[in-house]
Amino acid sequence: MTIVVIFWEAVMGTWAVAKAKAQFSELIEVARVQGAQEITRNGKLVGLLVSPEDWKKKNQPPAQNSRTMSEFFKNSPLVGSGLDLRRSKSKTRKIEL
């Protein structure tokens, strides 16, 4: 039995403004399927077309059920393990070489 693993990485395409205008429907479909597409004028980036799904993923506010760092540590499996994580209040500490 042979197992083949293919790693697919979205490659951002680059479209000149004239080509983007002429093939706008195709540009939209490519952005939806392959990911963000750059639009250039005279070789300089002037725009970026992304799918609504990608835009929402990048610009979504944090989930309502997200926890703070302190909540994360309070619910850690290490709670009650005897591990002492208190910070020393001394200004200096001895370093052993």
PDB file of N, CA and C in Angstrom:
ATOM      1  N   MET A   1       0.842  -1.167   0.000  1.00  0.00           N
ATOM      2  CA  MET A   1       0.000   0.000   0.000  1.00  0.00           C
ATOM      3  C   MET A   1       0.895   1.240   0.000  1.00  0.00           C
ATOM      4  N   THR A   2       0.571   2.189  -0.858  1.00  0.00           N
ATOM      5  CA  THR A   2       1.322   3.432  -0.956  1.00  0.00           C
ATOM      6  C   THR A   2       0.454   4.578  -0.482  1.00  0.00           C
ATOM      7  N   ILE A   3       1.032   5.413   0.380  1.00  0.00           N
ATOM      8  CA  ILE A   3       0.316   6.586   0.866  1.00  0.00           C
ATOM      9  C   ILE A   3       1.018   7.813   0.311  1.00  0.00           C
ATOM     10  N   VAL A   4       0.252   8.663  -0.314  1.00  0.00           N
ATOM     11  CA  VAL A   4       0.795   9.881  -0.879  1.00  0.00           C
ATOM     12  C   VAL A   4       0.213  11.059  -0.109  1.00  0.00           C
ATOM     13  N   VAL A   5       1.071  11.914   0.373  1.00  0.00           N
ATOM     14  CA  VAL A   5       0.634  13.107   1.089  1.00  0.00           C
ATOM     15  C   VAL A   5       0.994  14.310   0.242  1.00  0.00           C
ATOM     16  N   ILE A   6       0.006  15.133  -0.031  1.00  0.00           N
ATOM     17  CA  ILE A   6       0.230  16.327  -0.831  1.00  0.00           C
ATOM     18  C   ILE A   6      -0.016  17.536   0.064  1.00  0.00           C
ATOM     19  N   PHE A   7       0.966  18.406   0.146  1.00  0.00           N
ATOM     20  CA  PHE A   7       0.817  19.642   0.902  1.00  0.00           C
ATOM     21  C   PHE A   7       0.431  20.729  -0.087  1.00  0.00           C
ATOM     22  N   TRP A   8      -0.736  21.330   0.128  1.00  0.00           N
ATOM     23  CA  TRP A   8      -1.205  22.393  -0.745  1.00  0.00           C
ATOM     24  C   TRP A   8      -1.043  23.709  -0.031  1.00  0.00           C
ATOM     25  N   GLU A   9      -0.368  24.622  -0.647  1.00  0.00           N
ATOM     26  CA  GLU A   9      -0.166  25.942  -0.064  1.00  0.00           C
ATOM     27  C   GLU A   9      -0.717  26.960  -1.048  1.00  0.00           C
ATOM     28  N   ALA A  10      -1.623  27.814  -0.554  1.00  0.00           N
ATOM     29  CA  ALA A  10      -2.193  28.835  -1.418  1.00  0.00           C
ATOM     30  C   ALA A  10      -1.104  29.823  -1.816  1.00  0.00           C
ATOM     31  N   VAL A  11      -0.985  30.018  -3.096  1.00  0.00           N
ATOM     32  CA  VAL A  11      -0.008  30.967  -3.597  1.00  0.00           C
ATOM     33  C   VAL A  11      -0.778  32.195  -4.044  1.00  0.00           C
ATOM     34  N   MET A  12      -0.383  33.350  -3.525  1.00  0.00           N
ATOM     35  CA  MET A  12      -1.073  34.571  -3.878  1.00  0.00           C
ATOM     36  C   MET A  12      -0.764  34.909  -5.320  1.00  0.00           C
ATOM     37  N   GLY A  13      -1.821  35.067  -6.126  1.00  0.00           N
ATOM     38  CA  GLY A  13      -1.645  35.436  -7.513  1.00  0.00           C
ATOM     39  C   GLY A  13      -1.505  36.940  -7.656  1.00  0.00           C
ATOM     40  N   THR A  14      -0.947  37.356  -8.771  1.00  0.00           N
ATOM     41  CA  THR A  14      -0.781  38.766  -9.051  1.00  0.00           C
ATOM     42  C   THR A  14      -1.441  39.070 -10.388  1.00  0.00           C
ATOM     43  N   TRP A  15      -2.264  40.109 -10.397  1.00  0.00           N
ATOM     44  CA  TRP A  15      -3.012  40.509 -11.585  1.00  0.00           C
ATOM     45  C   TRP A  15      -2.738  41.979 -11.869  1.00  0.00           C
ATOM     46  N   ALA A  16      -2.429  42.297 -13.129  1.00  0.00           N
ATOM     47  CA  ALA A  16      -2.342  43.695 -13.538  1.00  0.00           C
ATOM     48  C   ALA A  16      -3.760  44.262 -13.539  1.00  0.00           C
ATOM     49  N   VAL A  17      -3.893  45.566 -13.317  1.00  0.00           N
ATOM     50  CA  VAL A  17      -5.222  46.192 -13.252  1.00  0.00           C
ATOM     51  C   VAL A  17      -6.026  45.896 -14.510  1.00  0.00           C
ATOM     52  N   ALA A  18      -5.420  46.038 -15.674  1.00  0.00           N
ATOM     53  CA  ALA A  18      -6.137  45.810 -16.939  1.00  0.00           C
ATOM     54  C   ALA A  18      -6.660  44.375 -17.022  1.00  0.00           C
ATOM     55  N   LYS A  19      -5.823  43.403 -16.643  1.00  0.00           N
ATOM     56  CA  LYS A  19      -6.249  41.997 -16.672  1.00  0.00           C
ATOM     57  C   LYS A  19      -7.333  41.752 -15.632  1.00  0.00           C
ATOM     58  N   ALA A  20      -7.198  42.361 -14.456  1.00  0.00           N
ATOM     59  CA  ALA A  20      -8.210  42.204 -13.400  1.00  0.00           C
ATOM     60  C   ALA A  20      -9.557  42.737 -13.864  1.00  0.00           C
ATOM     61  N   LYS A  21      -9.540  43.882 -14.538  1.00  0.00           N
ATOM     62  CA  LYS A  21     -10.786  44.463 -15.045  1.00  0.00           C
ATOM     63  C   LYS A  21     -11.397  43.579 -16.131  1.00  0.00           C
ATOM     64  N   ALA A  22     -10.567  43.086 -17.023  1.00  0.00           N
ATOM     65  CA  ALA A  22     -11.053  42.283 -18.147  1.00  0.00           C
ATOM     66  C   ALA A  22     -11.558  40.911 -17.698  1.00  0.00           C
ATOM     67  N   GLN A  23     -10.990  40.377 -16.643  1.00  0.00           N
ATOM     68  CA  GLN A  23     -11.337  39.025 -16.190  1.00  0.00           C
ATOM     69  C   GLN A  23     -11.825  39.043 -14.741  1.00  0.00           C
ATOM     70  N   PHE A  24     -12.649  40.030 -14.410  1.00  0.00           N
ATOM     71  CA  PHE A  24     -13.065  40.230 -13.031  1.00  0.00           C
ATOM     72  C   PHE A  24     -13.781  39.010 -12.439  1.00  0.00           C
ATOM     73  N   SER A  25     -14.661  38.385 -13.202  1.00  0.00           N
ATOM     74  CA  SER A  25     -15.373  37.200 -12.705  1.00  0.00           C
ATOM     75  C   SER A  25     -14.399  36.081 -12.361  1.00  0.00           C
ATOM     76  N   GLU A  26     -13.408  35.880 -13.225  1.00  0.00           N
ATOM     77  CA  GLU A  26     -12.393  34.858 -12.968  1.00  0.00           C
ATOM     78  C   GLU A  26     -11.560  35.221 -11.738  1.00  0.00           C
ATOM     79  N   LEU A  27     -11.213  36.499 -11.609  1.00  0.00           N
ATOM     80  CA  LEU A  27     -10.451  36.974 -10.456  1.00  0.00           C
ATOM     81  C   LEU A  27     -11.188  36.679  -9.155  1.00  0.00           C
ATOM     82  N   ILE A  28     -12.480  36.936  -9.142  1.00  0.00           N
ATOM     83  CA  ILE A  28     -13.289  36.652  -7.948  1.00  0.00           C
ATOM     84  C   ILE A  28     -13.252  35.166  -7.610  1.00  0.00           C
ATOM     85  N   GLU A  29     -13.409  34.328  -8.612  1.00  0.00           N
ATOM     86  CA  GLU A  29     -13.412  32.881  -8.382  1.00  0.00           C
ATOM     87  C   GLU A  29     -12.051  32.389  -7.897  1.00  0.00           C
ATOM     88  N   VAL A  30     -10.984  32.913  -8.477  1.00  0.00           N
ATOM     89  CA  VAL A  30      -9.638  32.514  -8.065  1.00  0.00           C
ATOM     90  C   VAL A  30      -9.398  32.927  -6.614  1.00  0.00           C
ATOM     91  N   ALA A  31      -9.825  34.134  -6.236  1.00  0.00           N
ATOM     92  CA  ALA A  31      -9.664  34.588  -4.849  1.00  0.00           C
ATOM     93  C   ALA A  31     -10.454  33.703  -3.896  1.00  0.00           C
ATOM     94  N   ARG A  32     -11.632  33.274  -4.326  1.00  0.00           N
ATOM     95  CA  ARG A  32     -12.457  32.409  -3.477  1.00  0.00           C
ATOM     96  C   ARG A  32     -11.814  31.046  -3.285  1.00  0.00           C
ATOM     97  N   VAL A  33     -11.248  30.491  -4.344  1.00  0.00           N
ATOM     98  CA  VAL A  33     -10.702  29.132  -4.303  1.00  0.00           C
ATOM     99  C   VAL A  33      -9.253  29.089  -3.801  1.00  0.00           C
ATOM    100  N   GLN A  34      -8.411  29.995  -4.302  1.00  0.00           N
ATOM    101  CA  GLN A  34      -6.981  29.923  -4.017  1.00  0.00           C
ATOM    102  C   GLN A  34      -6.511  30.876  -2.930  1.00  0.00           C
ATOM    103  N   GLY A  35      -7.311  31.859  -2.602  1.00  0.00           N
ATOM    104  CA  GLY A  35      -6.893  32.831  -1.590  1.00  0.00           C
ATOM    105  C   GLY A  35      -6.671  34.199  -2.192  1.00  0.00           C
ATOM    106  N   ALA A  36      -6.179  35.095  -1.380  1.00  0.00           N
ATOM    107  CA  ALA A  36      -6.018  36.496  -1.754  1.00  0.00           C
ATOM    108  C   ALA A  36      -5.262  36.668  -3.062  1.00  0.00           C
ATOM    109  N   GLN A  37      -5.676  37.681  -3.833  1.00  0.00           N
ATOM    110  CA  GLN A  37      -5.056  37.979  -5.112  1.00  0.00           C
ATOM    111  C   GLN A  37      -4.603  39.440  -5.125  1.00  0.00           C
ATOM    112  N   GLU A  38      -3.356  39.678  -5.491  1.00  0.00           N
ATOM    113  CA  GLU A  38      -2.816  41.031  -5.564  1.00  0.00           C
ATOM    114  C   GLU A  38      -3.178  41.666  -6.901  1.00  0.00           C
ATOM    115  N   ILE A  39      -3.447  42.965  -6.867  1.00  0.00           N
ATOM    116  CA  ILE A  39      -3.705  43.718  -8.084  1.00  0.00           C
ATOM    117  C   ILE A  39      -2.631  44.799  -8.163  1.00  0.00           C
ATOM    118  N   THR A  40      -1.940  44.835  -9.309  1.00  0.00           N
ATOM    119  CA  THR A  40      -0.816  45.773  -9.449  1.00  0.00           C
ATOM    120  C   THR A  40      -1.033  46.734 -10.608  1.00  0.00           C
ATOM    121  N   ARG A  41      -0.397  47.898 -10.502  1.00  0.00           N
ATOM    122  CA  ARG A  41      -0.348  48.876 -11.590  1.00  0.00           C
ATOM    123  C   ARG A  41       1.113  49.269 -11.734  1.00  0.00           C
ATOM    124  N   ASN A  42       1.644  49.088 -12.915  1.00  0.00           N
ATOM    125  CA  ASN A  42       3.062  49.372 -13.184  1.00  0.00           C
ATOM    126  C   ASN A  42       3.970  48.635 -12.203  1.00  0.00           C
ATOM    127  N   GLY A  43       3.589  47.416 -11.851  1.00  0.00           N
ATOM    128  CA  GLY A  43       4.400  46.582 -10.978  1.00  0.00           C
ATOM    129  C   GLY A  43       4.284  46.887  -9.496  1.00  0.00           C
ATOM    130  N   LYS A  44       3.458  47.870  -9.133  1.00  0.00           N
ATOM    131  CA  LYS A  44       3.293  48.230  -7.725  1.00  0.00           C
ATOM    132  C   LYS A  44       1.927  47.777  -7.224  1.00  0.00           C
ATOM    133  N   LEU A  45       1.912  47.246  -6.032  1.00  0.00           N
ATOM    134  CA  LEU A  45       0.668  46.758  -5.432  1.00  0.00           C
ATOM    135  C   LEU A  45      -0.293  47.915  -5.196  1.00  0.00           C
ATOM    136  N   VAL A  46      -1.514  47.802  -5.760  1.00  0.00           N
ATOM    137  CA  VAL A  46      -2.516  48.851  -5.578  1.00  0.00           C
ATOM    138  C   VAL A  46      -3.799  48.321  -4.958  1.00  0.00           C
ATOM    139  N   GLY A  47      -3.934  47.005  -4.883  1.00  0.00           N
ATOM    140  CA  GLY A  47      -5.146  46.432  -4.316  1.00  0.00           C
ATOM    141  C   GLY A  47      -4.964  44.972  -3.981  1.00  0.00           C
ATOM    142  N   LEU A  48      -5.934  44.474  -3.230  1.00  0.00           N
ATOM    143  CA  LEU A  48      -5.905  43.076  -2.812  1.00  0.00           C
ATOM    144  C   LEU A  48      -7.341  42.580  -2.770  1.00  0.00           C
ATOM    145  N   LEU A  49      -7.628  41.497  -3.438  1.00  0.00           N
ATOM    146  CA  LEU A  49      -8.972  40.937  -3.443  1.00  0.00           C
ATOM    147  C   LEU A  49      -8.965  39.660  -2.609  1.00  0.00           C
ATOM    148  N   VAL A  50      -9.809  39.627  -1.590  1.00  0.00           N
ATOM    149  CA  VAL A  50      -9.935  38.440  -0.739  1.00  0.00           C
ATOM    150  C   VAL A  50     -11.394  38.003  -0.718  1.00  0.00           C
ATOM    151  N   SER A  51     -11.614  36.741  -0.444  1.00  0.00           N
ATOM    152  CA  SER A  51     -12.976  36.229  -0.356  1.00  0.00           C
ATOM    153  C   SER A  51     -13.621  36.729   0.932  1.00  0.00           C
ATOM    154  N   PRO A  52     -14.946  36.805   0.972  1.00  0.00           N
ATOM    155  CA  PRO A  52     -15.620  37.224   2.206  1.00  0.00           C
ATOM    156  C   PRO A  52     -15.279  36.314   3.387  1.00  0.00           C
ATOM    157  N   GLU A  53     -15.115  35.026   3.136  1.00  0.00           N
ATOM    158  CA  GLU A  53     -14.786  34.090   4.216  1.00  0.00           C
ATOM    159  C   GLU A  53     -13.421  34.412   4.818  1.00  0.00           C
ATOM    160  N   ASP A  54     -12.427  34.662   3.947  1.00  0.00           N
ATOM    161  CA  ASP A  54     -11.092  35.009   4.440  1.00  0.00           C
ATOM    162  C   ASP A  54     -11.111  36.335   5.183  1.00  0.00           C
ATOM    163  N   TRP A  55     -11.872  37.298   4.664  1.00  0.00           N
ATOM    164  CA  TRP A  55     -11.967  38.606   5.315  1.00  0.00           C
ATOM    165  C   TRP A  55     -12.563  38.465   6.714  1.00  0.00           C
ATOM    166  N   LYS A  56     -13.633  37.668   6.834  1.00  0.00           N
ATOM    167  CA  LYS A  56     -14.289  37.479   8.136  1.00  0.00           C
ATOM    168  C   LYS A  56     -13.355  36.778   9.121  1.00  0.00           C
ATOM    169  N   LYS A  57     -12.589  35.803   8.642  1.00  0.00           N
ATOM    170  CA  LYS A  57     -11.646  35.104   9.521  1.00  0.00           C
ATOM    171  C   LYS A  57     -10.614  36.070  10.085  1.00  0.00           C
ATOM    172  N   LYS A  58     -10.084  36.947   9.240  1.00  0.00           N
ATOM    173  CA  LYS A  58      -9.031  37.869   9.662  1.00  0.00           C
ATOM    174  C   LYS A  58      -9.547  39.014  10.524  1.00  0.00           C
ATOM    175  N   ASN A  59     -10.803  39.398  10.336  1.00  0.00           N
ATOM    176  CA  ASN A  59     -11.330  40.582  11.004  1.00  0.00           C
ATOM    177  C   ASN A  59     -12.405  40.267  12.033  1.00  0.00           C
ATOM    178  N   GLN A  60     -12.493  39.027  12.441  1.00  0.00           N
ATOM    179  CA  GLN A  60     -13.496  38.603  13.408  1.00  0.00           C
ATOM    180  C   GLN A  60     -13.058  38.997  14.818  1.00  0.00           C
ATOM    181  N   PRO A  61     -13.980  39.585  15.599  1.00  0.00           N
ATOM    182  CA  PRO A  61     -13.609  39.905  16.982  1.00  0.00           C
ATOM    183  C   PRO A  61     -13.385  38.622  17.772  1.00  0.00           C
ATOM    184  N   PRO A  62     -12.659  38.698  18.879  1.00  0.00           N
ATOM    185  CA  PRO A  62     -12.416  37.496  19.681  1.00  0.00           C
ATOM    186  C   PRO A  62     -13.739  36.848  20.105  1.00  0.00           C
ATOM    187  N   ALA A  63     -13.723  35.553  20.184  1.00  0.00           N
ATOM    188  CA  ALA A  63     -14.926  34.815  20.573  1.00  0.00           C
ATOM    189  C   ALA A  63     -15.371  35.203  21.974  1.00  0.00           C
ATOM    190  N   GLN A  64     -16.670  35.182  22.189  1.00  0.00           N
ATOM    191  CA  GLN A  64     -17.222  35.547  23.488  1.00  0.00           C
ATOM    192  C   GLN A  64     -16.773  34.583  24.577  1.00  0.00           C
ATOM    193  N   ASN A  65     -16.466  33.365  24.201  1.00  0.00           N
ATOM    194  CA  ASN A  65     -16.062  32.371  25.200  1.00  0.00           C
ATOM    195  C   ASN A  65     -14.550  32.303  25.384  1.00  0.00           C
ATOM    196  N   SER A  66     -13.816  33.275  24.797  1.00  0.00           N
ATOM    197  CA  SER A  66     -12.368  33.239  24.975  1.00  0.00           C
ATOM    198  C   SER A  66     -12.025  33.570  26.425  1.00  0.00           C
ATOM    199  N   ARG A  67     -10.958  32.941  26.913  1.00  0.00           N
ATOM    200  CA  ARG A  67     -10.574  33.093  28.315  1.00  0.00           C
ATOM    201  C   ARG A  67      -9.383  34.018  28.448  1.00  0.00           C
ATOM    202  N   THR A  68      -9.276  34.612  29.615  1.00  0.00           N
ATOM    203  CA  THR A  68      -8.105  35.424  29.898  1.00  0.00           C
ATOM    204  C   THR A  68      -6.957  34.494  30.262  1.00  0.00           C
ATOM    205  N   MET A  69      -5.750  35.043  30.281  1.00  0.00           N
ATOM    206  CA  MET A  69      -4.577  34.259  30.639  1.00  0.00           C
ATOM    207  C   MET A  69      -4.704  33.734  32.068  1.00  0.00           C
ATOM    208  N   SER A  70      -5.196  34.571  32.983  1.00  0.00           N
ATOM    209  CA  SER A  70      -5.315  34.120  34.374  1.00  0.00           C
ATOM    210  C   SER A  70      -6.333  32.984  34.494  1.00  0.00           C
ATOM    211  N   GLU A  71      -7.429  33.039  33.710  1.00  0.00           N
ATOM    212  CA  GLU A  71      -8.399  31.935  33.721  1.00  0.00           C
ATOM    213  C   GLU A  71      -7.761  30.655  33.189  1.00  0.00           C
ATOM    214  N   PHE A  72      -6.931  30.800  32.180  1.00  0.00           N
ATOM    215  CA  PHE A  72      -6.244  29.643  31.617  1.00  0.00           C
ATOM    216  C   PHE A  72      -5.392  28.949  32.682  1.00  0.00           C
ATOM    217  N   PHE A  73      -4.594  29.735  33.424  1.00  0.00           N
ATOM    218  CA  PHE A  73      -3.732  29.149  34.439  1.00  0.00           C
ATOM    219  C   PHE A  73      -4.527  28.605  35.629  1.00  0.00           C
ATOM    220  N   LYS A  74      -5.629  29.252  35.983  1.00  0.00           N
ATOM    221  CA  LYS A  74      -6.466  28.756  37.086  1.00  0.00           C
ATOM    222  C   LYS A  74      -7.061  27.396  36.756  1.00  0.00           C
ATOM    223  N   ASN A  75      -7.317  27.148  35.475  1.00  0.00           N
ATOM    224  CA  ASN A  75      -7.910  25.883  35.051  1.00  0.00           C
ATOM    225  C   ASN A  75      -6.887  24.883  34.546  1.00  0.00           C
ATOM    226  N   SER A  76      -5.623  25.164  34.754  1.00  0.00           N
ATOM    227  CA  SER A  76      -4.551  24.299  34.292  1.00  0.00           C
ATOM    228  C   SER A  76      -4.564  22.960  35.025  1.00  0.00           C
ATOM    229  N   PRO A  77      -4.164  21.892  34.360  1.00  0.00           N
ATOM    230  CA  PRO A  77      -4.058  20.595  35.034  1.00  0.00           C
ATOM    231  C   PRO A  77      -2.970  20.589  36.108  1.00  0.00           C
ATOM    232  N   LEU A  78      -2.100  21.600  36.131  1.00  0.00           N
ATOM    233  CA  LEU A  78      -1.045  21.664  37.138  1.00  0.00           C
ATOM    234  C   LEU A  78      -1.539  22.238  38.466  1.00  0.00           C
ATOM    235  N   VAL A  79      -2.759  22.753  38.495  1.00  0.00           N
ATOM    236  CA  VAL A  79      -3.300  23.288  39.744  1.00  0.00           C
ATOM    237  C   VAL A  79      -3.373  22.141  40.754  1.00  0.00           C
ATOM    238  N   GLY A  80      -2.827  22.357  41.944  1.00  0.00           N
ATOM    239  CA  GLY A  80      -2.838  21.331  42.983  1.00  0.00           C
ATOM    240  C   GLY A  80      -1.714  20.324  42.863  1.00  0.00           C
ATOM    241  N   SER A  81      -0.801  20.525  41.912  1.00  0.00           N
ATOM    242  CA  SER A  81       0.279  19.564  41.720  1.00  0.00           C
ATOM    243  C   SER A  81       1.457  19.804  42.664  1.00  0.00           C
ATOM    244  N   GLY A  82       1.416  20.917  43.391  1.00  0.00           N
ATOM    245  CA  GLY A  82       2.511  21.221  44.299  1.00  0.00           C
ATOM    246  C   GLY A  82       3.586  22.085  43.657  1.00  0.00           C
ATOM    247  N   LEU A  83       3.432  22.397  42.389  1.00  0.00           N
ATOM    248  CA  LEU A  83       4.391  23.237  41.699  1.00  0.00           C
ATOM    249  C   LEU A  83       4.263  24.666  42.231  1.00  0.00           C
ATOM    250  N   ASP A  84       5.372  25.229  42.726  1.00  0.00           N
ATOM    251  CA  ASP A  84       5.357  26.569  43.313  1.00  0.00           C
ATOM    252  C   ASP A  84       5.746  27.589  42.253  1.00  0.00           C
ATOM    253  N   LEU A  85       4.791  28.383  41.829  1.00  0.00           N
ATOM    254  CA  LEU A  85       5.029  29.364  40.794  1.00  0.00           C
ATOM    255  C   LEU A  85       5.024  30.791  41.324  1.00  0.00           C
ATOM    256  N   ARG A  86       5.099  30.925  42.643  1.00  0.00           N
ATOM    257  CA  ARG A  86       5.106  32.274  43.214  1.00  0.00           C
ATOM    258  C   ARG A  86       6.387  32.987  42.849  1.00  0.00           C
ATOM    259  N   ARG A  87       6.266  34.266  42.616  1.00  0.00           N
ATOM    260  CA  ARG A  87       7.414  35.082  42.250  1.00  0.00           C
ATOM    261  C   ARG A  87       8.136  35.556  43.503  1.00  0.00           C
ATOM    262  N   SER A  88       9.441  35.512  43.450  1.00  0.00           N
ATOM    263  CA  SER A  88      10.247  35.979  44.574  1.00  0.00           C
ATOM    264  C   SER A  88      10.118  37.490  44.689  1.00  0.00           C
ATOM    265  N   LYS A  89       9.989  37.983  45.919  1.00  0.00           N
ATOM    266  CA  LYS A  89       9.863  39.421  46.137  1.00  0.00           C
ATOM    267  C   LYS A  89      11.209  40.089  46.351  1.00  0.00           C
ATOM    268  N   SER A  90      12.284  39.308  46.424  1.00  0.00           N
ATOM    269  CA  SER A  90      13.608  39.905  46.608  1.00  0.00           C
ATOM    270  C   SER A  90      14.055  40.570  45.311  1.00  0.00           C
ATOM    271  N   LYS A  91      14.858  41.616  45.465  1.00  0.00           N
ATOM    272  CA  LYS A  91      15.315  42.351  44.287  1.00  0.00           C
ATOM    273  C   LYS A  91      16.476  41.673  43.597  1.00  0.00           C
ATOM    274  N   THR A  92      17.211  40.839  44.328  1.00  0.00           N
ATOM    275  CA  THR A  92      18.332  40.111  43.736  1.00  0.00           C
ATOM    276  C   THR A  92      18.185  38.635  44.030  1.00  0.00           C
ATOM    277  N   ARG A  93      18.885  37.841  43.304  1.00  0.00           N
ATOM    278  CA  ARG A  93      18.870  36.405  43.567  1.00  0.00           C
ATOM    279  C   ARG A  93      20.256  35.850  43.345  1.00  0.00           C
ATOM    280  N   LYS A  94      20.549  34.786  44.022  1.00  0.00           N
ATOM    281  CA  LYS A  94      21.854  34.153  43.923  1.00  0.00           C
ATOM    282  C   LYS A  94      21.887  33.284  42.673  1.00  0.00           C
ATOM    283  N   ILE A  95      22.934  33.441  41.914  1.00  0.00           N
ATOM    284  CA  ILE A  95      23.118  32.629  40.722  1.00  0.00           C
ATOM    285  C   ILE A  95      24.269  31.675  40.973  1.00  0.00           C
ATOM    286  N   GLU A  96      23.982  30.387  40.843  1.00  0.00           N
ATOM    287  CA  GLU A  96      24.998  29.377  41.047  1.00  0.00           C
ATOM    288  C   GLU A  96      25.628  29.016  39.726  1.00  0.00           C
ATOM    289  N   LEU A  97      26.964  28.996  39.722  1.00  0.00           N
ATOM    290  CA  LEU A  97      27.680  28.650  38.486  1.00  0.00           C
ATOM    291  C   LEU A  97      28.217  27.257  38.541  1.00  0.00           C
TER     292      LEU A  97
END
